[in-house]
Amino acid sequence: MDTNNILFFNEEVSYRVNDKRKIREWIRHIIYKWGNSPGNINIILCPDQYLLAINNTYLNHDSYTDILTFNQSEEQTIISGDIYISLDRIKANAKEYKVRISDELHRVIIHGILHLMGGKDSTDAERREMREAEDKCLSLRPPLT
């Protein structure tokens, strides 16, 4: 099986992710830095309604969210999974936090990667820890357009 693929997909949205090669390298760097190896990772951009349907079907949650992460790892240290990201939430968050859409997208992508590596965000303490890890990862991001 071909491993170590980080792929980008659009489902019912039209959005071009810039610098995919650099983003892949950055994700791999983060995964290795955390003591793991990259496996197959799919990053799927979609609209709110698409992600809401997944949230309802698989998690029995009837709420909008910016990201859902499904861990597909068969080995603990090989990071594989599907990361669904609502482009609608990314755009709204970018506007609210006054950041570029691409910067918010990168934050949410790395948030998903951290989840795949075992990161949690159920409690206030876990959310603080996750935010710190996101900031650390973002500081390691190469210059992107």
N, C-alpha and C. Protein backbone atom coordinates (compact mmCIF):
# COMPACT_ATOMS: atom_id res chain seq x y z
N MET A 1 0.84 -1.18 0.00
CA MET A 1 0.00 0.00 0.00
C MET A 1 0.88 1.24 0.00
N ASP A 2 0.53 2.21 -0.82
CA ASP A 2 1.25 3.47 -0.90
C ASP A 2 0.90 4.32 0.32
N THR A 3 1.90 4.68 1.10
CA THR A 3 1.64 5.48 2.30
C THR A 3 2.33 6.82 2.17
N ASN A 4 2.10 7.64 3.17
CA ASN A 4 2.70 8.96 3.23
C ASN A 4 2.13 9.88 2.15
N ASN A 5 0.84 9.82 1.96
CA ASN A 5 0.15 10.72 1.04
C ASN A 5 -0.67 11.71 1.83
N ILE A 6 -0.50 12.97 1.54
CA ILE A 6 -1.33 14.01 2.11
C ILE A 6 -2.05 14.64 0.92
N LEU A 7 -3.36 14.41 0.85
CA LEU A 7 -4.13 14.82 -0.32
C LEU A 7 -5.19 15.83 0.07
N PHE A 8 -5.50 16.72 -0.86
CA PHE A 8 -6.52 17.75 -0.67
C PHE A 8 -7.68 17.47 -1.62
N PHE A 9 -8.90 17.60 -1.09
CA PHE A 9 -10.11 17.39 -1.89
C PHE A 9 -11.10 18.51 -1.62
N ASN A 10 -11.93 18.79 -2.59
CA ASN A 10 -13.07 19.69 -2.43
C ASN A 10 -14.34 18.89 -2.61
N GLU A 11 -15.27 19.05 -1.69
CA GLU A 11 -16.60 18.46 -1.80
C GLU A 11 -17.62 19.59 -1.78
N GLU A 12 -18.24 19.83 -2.90
CA GLU A 12 -19.30 20.83 -3.03
C GLU A 12 -18.83 22.26 -2.75
N VAL A 13 -17.54 22.51 -2.85
CA VAL A 13 -17.00 23.87 -2.74
C VAL A 13 -15.94 24.05 -3.82
N SER A 14 -15.71 25.30 -4.15
CA SER A 14 -14.64 25.62 -5.08
C SER A 14 -13.64 26.50 -4.35
N TYR A 15 -12.50 25.93 -4.03
CA TYR A 15 -11.46 26.66 -3.31
C TYR A 15 -10.12 26.06 -3.70
N ARG A 16 -9.18 26.92 -4.01
CA ARG A 16 -7.85 26.46 -4.39
C ARG A 16 -6.90 26.67 -3.22
N VAL A 17 -6.36 25.59 -2.70
CA VAL A 17 -5.36 25.66 -1.64
C VAL A 17 -4.02 25.97 -2.31
N ASN A 18 -3.43 27.09 -1.92
CA ASN A 18 -2.12 27.47 -2.45
C ASN A 18 -1.01 26.74 -1.72
N ASP A 19 0.12 26.58 -2.39
CA ASP A 19 1.33 26.03 -1.78
C ASP A 19 1.14 24.63 -1.19
N LYS A 20 0.41 23.79 -1.88
CA LYS A 20 0.14 22.44 -1.35
C LYS A 20 1.41 21.68 -1.02
N ARG A 21 2.42 21.80 -1.86
CA ARG A 21 3.68 21.08 -1.61
C ARG A 21 4.29 21.53 -0.28
N LYS A 22 4.33 22.84 -0.05
CA LYS A 22 4.91 23.37 1.19
C LYS A 22 4.05 22.98 2.40
N ILE A 23 2.74 22.98 2.23
CA ILE A 23 1.86 22.58 3.33
C ILE A 23 2.07 21.11 3.67
N ARG A 24 2.22 20.27 2.64
CA ARG A 24 2.49 18.85 2.89
C ARG A 24 3.81 18.68 3.65
N GLU A 25 4.85 19.40 3.22
CA GLU A 25 6.14 19.31 3.89
C GLU A 25 6.03 19.77 5.34
N TRP A 26 5.29 20.85 5.56
CA TRP A 26 5.09 21.38 6.91
C TRP A 26 4.36 20.35 7.78
N ILE A 27 3.30 19.75 7.27
CA ILE A 27 2.56 18.73 8.02
C ILE A 27 3.47 17.56 8.35
N ARG A 28 4.23 17.09 7.37
CA ARG A 28 5.15 15.97 7.62
C ARG A 28 6.17 16.34 8.70
N HIS A 29 6.70 17.56 8.62
CA HIS A 29 7.68 18.04 9.61
C HIS A 29 7.07 17.99 11.02
N ILE A 30 5.84 18.46 11.16
CA ILE A 30 5.16 18.47 12.46
C ILE A 30 4.97 17.04 12.96
N ILE A 31 4.51 16.17 12.09
CA ILE A 31 4.28 14.78 12.49
C ILE A 31 5.57 14.13 12.96
N TYR A 32 6.65 14.33 12.21
CA TYR A 32 7.95 13.77 12.62
C TYR A 32 8.43 14.40 13.93
N LYS A 33 8.25 15.71 14.07
CA LYS A 33 8.69 16.43 15.27
C LYS A 33 7.99 15.89 16.51
N TRP A 34 6.74 15.45 16.36
CA TRP A 34 5.98 14.89 17.48
C TRP A 34 6.26 13.39 17.66
N GLY A 35 7.26 12.87 16.93
CA GLY A 35 7.68 11.48 17.13
C GLY A 35 6.86 10.44 16.39
N ASN A 36 6.19 10.87 15.33
CA ASN A 36 5.35 9.96 14.54
C ASN A 36 5.81 9.95 13.10
N SER A 37 5.13 9.15 12.28
CA SER A 37 5.38 9.11 10.85
C SER A 37 4.06 9.37 10.12
N PRO A 38 4.13 10.10 9.00
CA PRO A 38 2.90 10.35 8.25
C PRO A 38 2.46 9.12 7.47
N GLY A 39 1.16 8.89 7.47
CA GLY A 39 0.55 7.85 6.65
C GLY A 39 -0.27 8.53 5.58
N ASN A 40 -1.47 8.04 5.36
CA ASN A 40 -2.38 8.65 4.38
C ASN A 40 -3.31 9.61 5.09
N ILE A 41 -3.26 10.87 4.68
CA ILE A 41 -4.09 11.90 5.28
C ILE A 41 -4.86 12.60 4.16
N ASN A 42 -6.17 12.64 4.31
CA ASN A 42 -7.04 13.33 3.37
C ASN A 42 -7.60 14.58 4.04
N ILE A 43 -7.43 15.71 3.39
CA ILE A 43 -7.96 16.98 3.88
C ILE A 43 -9.07 17.37 2.91
N ILE A 44 -10.31 17.35 3.42
CA ILE A 44 -11.48 17.53 2.57
C ILE A 44 -12.16 18.84 2.94
N LEU A 45 -12.18 19.79 2.01
CA LEU A 45 -12.87 21.05 2.21
C LEU A 45 -14.31 20.90 1.74
N CYS A 46 -15.24 21.40 2.53
CA CYS A 46 -16.66 21.23 2.21
C CYS A 46 -17.46 22.38 2.80
N PRO A 47 -18.75 22.50 2.43
CA PRO A 47 -19.60 23.55 3.01
C PRO A 47 -20.16 23.11 4.37
N ASP A 48 -20.75 24.07 5.08
CA ASP A 48 -21.37 23.80 6.38
C ASP A 48 -22.33 22.62 6.34
N GLN A 49 -23.24 22.62 5.37
CA GLN A 49 -24.29 21.60 5.31
C GLN A 49 -23.70 20.20 5.15
N TYR A 50 -22.65 20.08 4.38
CA TYR A 50 -21.99 18.79 4.15
C TYR A 50 -21.42 18.27 5.47
N LEU A 51 -20.72 19.16 6.19
CA LEU A 51 -20.10 18.77 7.45
C LEU A 51 -21.16 18.52 8.52
N LEU A 52 -22.25 19.29 8.50
CA LEU A 52 -23.35 19.07 9.44
C LEU A 52 -23.94 17.67 9.25
N ALA A 53 -24.10 17.25 8.02
CA ALA A 53 -24.64 15.91 7.75
C ALA A 53 -23.70 14.83 8.30
N ILE A 54 -22.40 15.02 8.14
CA ILE A 54 -21.43 14.06 8.69
C ILE A 54 -21.50 14.07 10.21
N ASN A 55 -21.57 15.26 10.79
CA ASN A 55 -21.65 15.40 12.24
C ASN A 55 -22.89 14.69 12.79
N ASN A 56 -24.02 14.83 12.09
CA ASN A 56 -25.25 14.14 12.49
C ASN A 56 -25.13 12.63 12.35
N THR A 57 -24.64 12.19 11.22
CA THR A 57 -24.59 10.77 10.90
C THR A 57 -23.63 10.00 11.80
N TYR A 58 -22.42 10.51 11.95
CA TYR A 58 -21.38 9.74 12.63
C TYR A 58 -21.19 10.08 14.10
N LEU A 59 -21.53 11.30 14.51
CA LEU A 59 -21.32 11.69 15.90
C LEU A 59 -22.61 12.02 16.63
N ASN A 60 -23.73 11.96 15.90
CA ASN A 60 -25.03 12.27 16.47
C ASN A 60 -25.07 13.67 17.09
N HIS A 61 -24.35 14.61 16.46
CA HIS A 61 -24.34 16.02 16.88
C HIS A 61 -25.07 16.83 15.82
N ASP A 62 -25.99 17.66 16.24
CA ASP A 62 -26.73 18.50 15.30
C ASP A 62 -26.24 19.93 15.42
N SER A 63 -24.96 20.12 15.09
CA SER A 63 -24.37 21.45 15.22
C SER A 63 -23.30 21.66 14.15
N TYR A 64 -23.13 22.92 13.81
CA TYR A 64 -22.07 23.27 12.87
C TYR A 64 -20.73 23.22 13.59
N THR A 65 -19.71 22.91 12.83
CA THR A 65 -18.36 22.88 13.37
C THR A 65 -17.41 23.23 12.24
N ASP A 66 -16.20 23.64 12.58
CA ASP A 66 -15.23 23.96 11.54
C ASP A 66 -14.46 22.74 11.07
N ILE A 67 -14.41 21.70 11.90
CA ILE A 67 -13.60 20.53 11.55
C ILE A 67 -14.13 19.27 12.21
N LEU A 68 -14.04 18.18 11.49
CA LEU A 68 -14.24 16.84 12.03
C LEU A 68 -13.06 15.99 11.58
N THR A 69 -12.50 15.26 12.51
CA THR A 69 -11.33 14.45 12.23
C THR A 69 -11.66 12.99 12.51
N PHE A 70 -11.36 12.13 11.54
CA PHE A 70 -11.59 10.71 11.69
C PHE A 70 -10.25 9.99 11.58
N ASN A 71 -9.82 9.44 12.70
CA ASN A 71 -8.53 8.75 12.75
C ASN A 71 -8.65 7.40 12.06
N GLN A 72 -7.78 7.15 11.09
CA GLN A 72 -7.75 5.89 10.36
C GLN A 72 -6.45 5.13 10.62
N SER A 73 -5.72 5.56 11.64
CA SER A 73 -4.41 4.95 11.92
C SER A 73 -4.57 3.52 12.40
N GLU A 74 -3.82 2.63 11.78
CA GLU A 74 -3.79 1.24 12.22
C GLU A 74 -2.65 1.00 13.19
N GLU A 75 -1.65 1.88 13.14
CA GLU A 75 -0.53 1.83 14.08
C GLU A 75 -0.47 3.18 14.79
N GLN A 76 -0.19 3.16 16.08
CA GLN A 76 -0.26 4.37 16.88
C GLN A 76 0.66 5.49 16.37
N THR A 77 1.81 5.15 15.85
CA THR A 77 2.77 6.19 15.45
C THR A 77 2.72 6.53 13.96
N ILE A 78 1.88 5.87 13.20
CA ILE A 78 1.70 6.23 11.79
C ILE A 78 0.37 6.98 11.69
N ILE A 79 0.46 8.26 11.36
CA ILE A 79 -0.68 9.15 11.41
C ILE A 79 -1.44 9.11 10.09
N SER A 80 -2.68 8.63 10.15
CA SER A 80 -3.55 8.54 8.98
C SER A 80 -4.96 8.94 9.37
N GLY A 81 -5.67 9.56 8.45
CA GLY A 81 -7.04 9.90 8.74
C GLY A 81 -7.64 10.86 7.73
N ASP A 82 -8.90 11.17 7.98
CA ASP A 82 -9.65 12.11 7.15
C ASP A 82 -9.96 13.34 7.98
N ILE A 83 -9.66 14.50 7.43
CA ILE A 83 -9.91 15.77 8.09
C ILE A 83 -10.90 16.54 7.22
N TYR A 84 -12.12 16.67 7.71
CA TYR A 84 -13.17 17.42 7.01
C TYR A 84 -13.19 18.83 7.58
N ILE A 85 -13.14 19.82 6.71
CA ILE A 85 -13.10 21.22 7.13
C ILE A 85 -14.19 22.00 6.42
N SER A 86 -14.99 22.71 7.21
CA SER A 86 -16.03 23.56 6.64
C SER A 86 -15.41 24.86 6.16
N LEU A 87 -15.44 25.07 4.86
CA LEU A 87 -14.92 26.31 4.30
C LEU A 87 -15.77 27.50 4.75
N ASP A 88 -17.07 27.29 4.96
CA ASP A 88 -17.93 28.35 5.47
C ASP A 88 -17.47 28.82 6.86
N ARG A 89 -17.16 27.86 7.74
CA ARG A 89 -16.70 28.21 9.10
C ARG A 89 -15.33 28.88 9.04
N ILE A 90 -14.46 28.40 8.13
CA ILE A 90 -13.13 29.00 8.00
C ILE A 90 -13.25 30.46 7.61
N LYS A 91 -14.10 30.74 6.63
CA LYS A 91 -14.29 32.13 6.19
C LYS A 91 -14.88 32.99 7.29
N ALA A 92 -15.87 32.47 8.02
CA ALA A 92 -16.49 33.22 9.12
C ALA A 92 -15.48 33.47 10.25
N ASN A 93 -14.71 32.44 10.59
CA ASN A 93 -13.70 32.59 11.65
C ASN A 93 -12.62 33.59 11.24
N ALA A 94 -12.20 33.53 9.99
CA ALA A 94 -11.17 34.46 9.51
C ALA A 94 -11.66 35.90 9.63
N LYS A 95 -12.92 36.11 9.28
CA LYS A 95 -13.49 37.45 9.39
C LYS A 95 -13.58 37.87 10.85
N GLU A 96 -14.07 36.96 11.71
CA GLU A 96 -14.22 37.28 13.14
C GLU A 96 -12.88 37.58 13.80
N TYR A 97 -11.85 36.78 13.48
CA TYR A 97 -10.54 36.95 14.12
C TYR A 97 -9.61 37.88 13.35
N LYS A 98 -10.13 38.42 12.23
CA LYS A 98 -9.38 39.37 11.41
C LYS A 98 -8.03 38.79 10.94
N VAL A 99 -8.11 37.58 10.38
CA VAL A 99 -6.94 36.92 9.80
C VAL A 99 -7.28 36.52 8.37
N ARG A 100 -6.25 36.20 7.61
CA ARG A 100 -6.47 35.73 6.25
C ARG A 100 -7.15 34.36 6.27
N ILE A 101 -7.97 34.10 5.27
CA ILE A 101 -8.63 32.80 5.16
C ILE A 101 -7.59 31.68 5.15
N SER A 102 -6.51 31.87 4.41
CA SER A 102 -5.48 30.83 4.34
C SER A 102 -4.84 30.57 5.71
N ASP A 103 -4.65 31.62 6.51
CA ASP A 103 -4.06 31.44 7.85
C ASP A 103 -5.01 30.65 8.75
N GLU A 104 -6.30 30.96 8.68
CA GLU A 104 -7.28 30.22 9.47
C GLU A 104 -7.36 28.77 9.00
N LEU A 105 -7.30 28.57 7.69
CA LEU A 105 -7.31 27.21 7.16
C LEU A 105 -6.11 26.43 7.67
N HIS A 106 -4.93 27.04 7.67
CA HIS A 106 -3.73 26.34 8.15
C HIS A 106 -3.87 26.00 9.63
N ARG A 107 -4.44 26.91 10.43
CA ARG A 107 -4.65 26.62 11.85
C ARG A 107 -5.57 25.42 12.02
N VAL A 108 -6.63 25.37 11.25
CA VAL A 108 -7.59 24.28 11.40
C VAL A 108 -7.00 22.97 10.86
N ILE A 109 -6.24 23.04 9.79
CA ILE A 109 -5.56 21.83 9.28
C ILE A 109 -4.66 21.26 10.37
N ILE A 110 -3.84 22.11 10.98
CA ILE A 110 -2.90 21.60 11.98
C ILE A 110 -3.65 21.14 13.23
N HIS A 111 -4.80 21.76 13.51
CA HIS A 111 -5.65 21.31 14.61
C HIS A 111 -6.06 19.85 14.34
N GLY A 112 -6.46 19.57 13.11
CA GLY A 112 -6.83 18.20 12.74
C GLY A 112 -5.66 17.23 12.85
N ILE A 113 -4.49 17.68 12.43
CA ILE A 113 -3.29 16.83 12.55
C ILE A 113 -3.02 16.53 14.02
N LEU A 114 -3.12 17.53 14.87
CA LEU A 114 -2.91 17.32 16.30
C LEU A 114 -3.93 16.33 16.86
N HIS A 115 -5.18 16.41 16.41
CA HIS A 115 -6.18 15.42 16.83
C HIS A 115 -5.75 14.02 16.39
N LEU A 116 -5.28 13.89 15.16
CA LEU A 116 -4.84 12.57 14.68
C LEU A 116 -3.68 12.02 15.50
N MET A 117 -2.90 12.93 16.09
CA MET A 117 -1.77 12.50 16.92
C MET A 117 -2.16 12.37 18.40
N GLY A 118 -3.45 12.43 18.67
CA GLY A 118 -3.92 12.19 20.03
C GLY A 118 -4.32 13.43 20.80
N GLY A 119 -4.20 14.60 20.20
CA GLY A 119 -4.59 15.83 20.89
C GLY A 119 -6.07 15.87 21.18
N LYS A 120 -6.40 16.38 22.34
CA LYS A 120 -7.81 16.48 22.77
C LYS A 120 -8.16 17.94 23.02
N ASP A 121 -9.47 18.25 22.96
CA ASP A 121 -9.91 19.61 23.25
C ASP A 121 -11.30 19.62 23.88
N SER A 122 -11.55 18.67 24.77
CA SER A 122 -12.85 18.56 25.42
C SER A 122 -12.99 19.47 26.64
N THR A 123 -11.89 19.71 27.32
CA THR A 123 -11.92 20.55 28.53
C THR A 123 -11.22 21.87 28.26
N ASP A 124 -11.40 22.84 29.16
CA ASP A 124 -10.71 24.13 29.02
C ASP A 124 -9.20 23.93 29.00
N ALA A 125 -8.69 23.08 29.88
CA ALA A 125 -7.24 22.84 29.94
C ALA A 125 -6.76 22.21 28.63
N GLU A 126 -7.51 21.25 28.09
CA GLU A 126 -7.13 20.62 26.82
C GLU A 126 -7.18 21.63 25.68
N ARG A 127 -8.19 22.51 25.70
CA ARG A 127 -8.29 23.53 24.65
C ARG A 127 -7.10 24.49 24.71
N ARG A 128 -6.69 24.88 25.90
CA ARG A 128 -5.50 25.74 26.05
C ARG A 128 -4.25 25.04 25.52
N GLU A 129 -4.11 23.78 25.88
CA GLU A 129 -2.96 23.00 25.43
C GLU A 129 -2.97 22.86 23.91
N MET A 130 -4.15 22.62 23.35
CA MET A 130 -4.29 22.48 21.90
C MET A 130 -3.92 23.80 21.21
N ARG A 131 -4.40 24.91 21.75
CA ARG A 131 -4.10 26.23 21.16
C ARG A 131 -2.60 26.50 21.19
N GLU A 132 -1.95 26.16 22.29
CA GLU A 132 -0.50 26.33 22.39
C GLU A 132 0.22 25.47 21.35
N ALA A 133 -0.23 24.24 21.18
CA ALA A 133 0.38 23.35 20.19
C ALA A 133 0.15 23.89 18.78
N GLU A 134 -1.06 24.40 18.52
CA GLU A 134 -1.34 25.01 17.21
C GLU A 134 -0.39 26.17 16.96
N ASP A 135 -0.25 27.05 17.95
CA ASP A 135 0.63 28.22 17.79
C ASP A 135 2.07 27.78 17.53
N LYS A 136 2.53 26.76 18.25
CA LYS A 136 3.88 26.26 18.03
C LYS A 136 4.04 25.72 16.61
N CYS A 137 3.06 24.95 16.16
CA CYS A 137 3.10 24.41 14.80
C CYS A 137 3.07 25.52 13.76
N LEU A 138 2.21 26.50 13.97
CA LEU A 138 2.12 27.60 13.02
C LEU A 138 3.42 28.40 12.96
N SER A 139 4.14 28.47 14.06
CA SER A 139 5.43 29.18 14.06
C SER A 139 6.47 28.44 13.22
N LEU A 140 6.24 27.16 12.96
CA LEU A 140 7.16 26.36 12.16
C LEU A 140 6.76 26.30 10.68
N ARG A 141 5.67 26.97 10.36
CA ARG A 141 5.16 26.96 8.99
C ARG A 141 6.09 27.75 8.09
N PRO A 142 6.39 27.23 6.91
CA PRO A 142 7.23 27.98 5.97
C PRO A 142 6.46 29.16 5.40
N PRO A 143 7.15 30.12 4.81
CA PRO A 143 6.43 31.22 4.17
C PRO A 143 5.54 30.69 3.05
N LEU A 144 4.26 31.06 3.11
CA LEU A 144 3.28 30.60 2.13
C LEU A 144 2.58 31.81 1.52
N THR A 145 1.98 31.63 0.35
CA THR A 145 1.24 32.72 -0.27
C THR A 145 -0.20 32.71 0.15
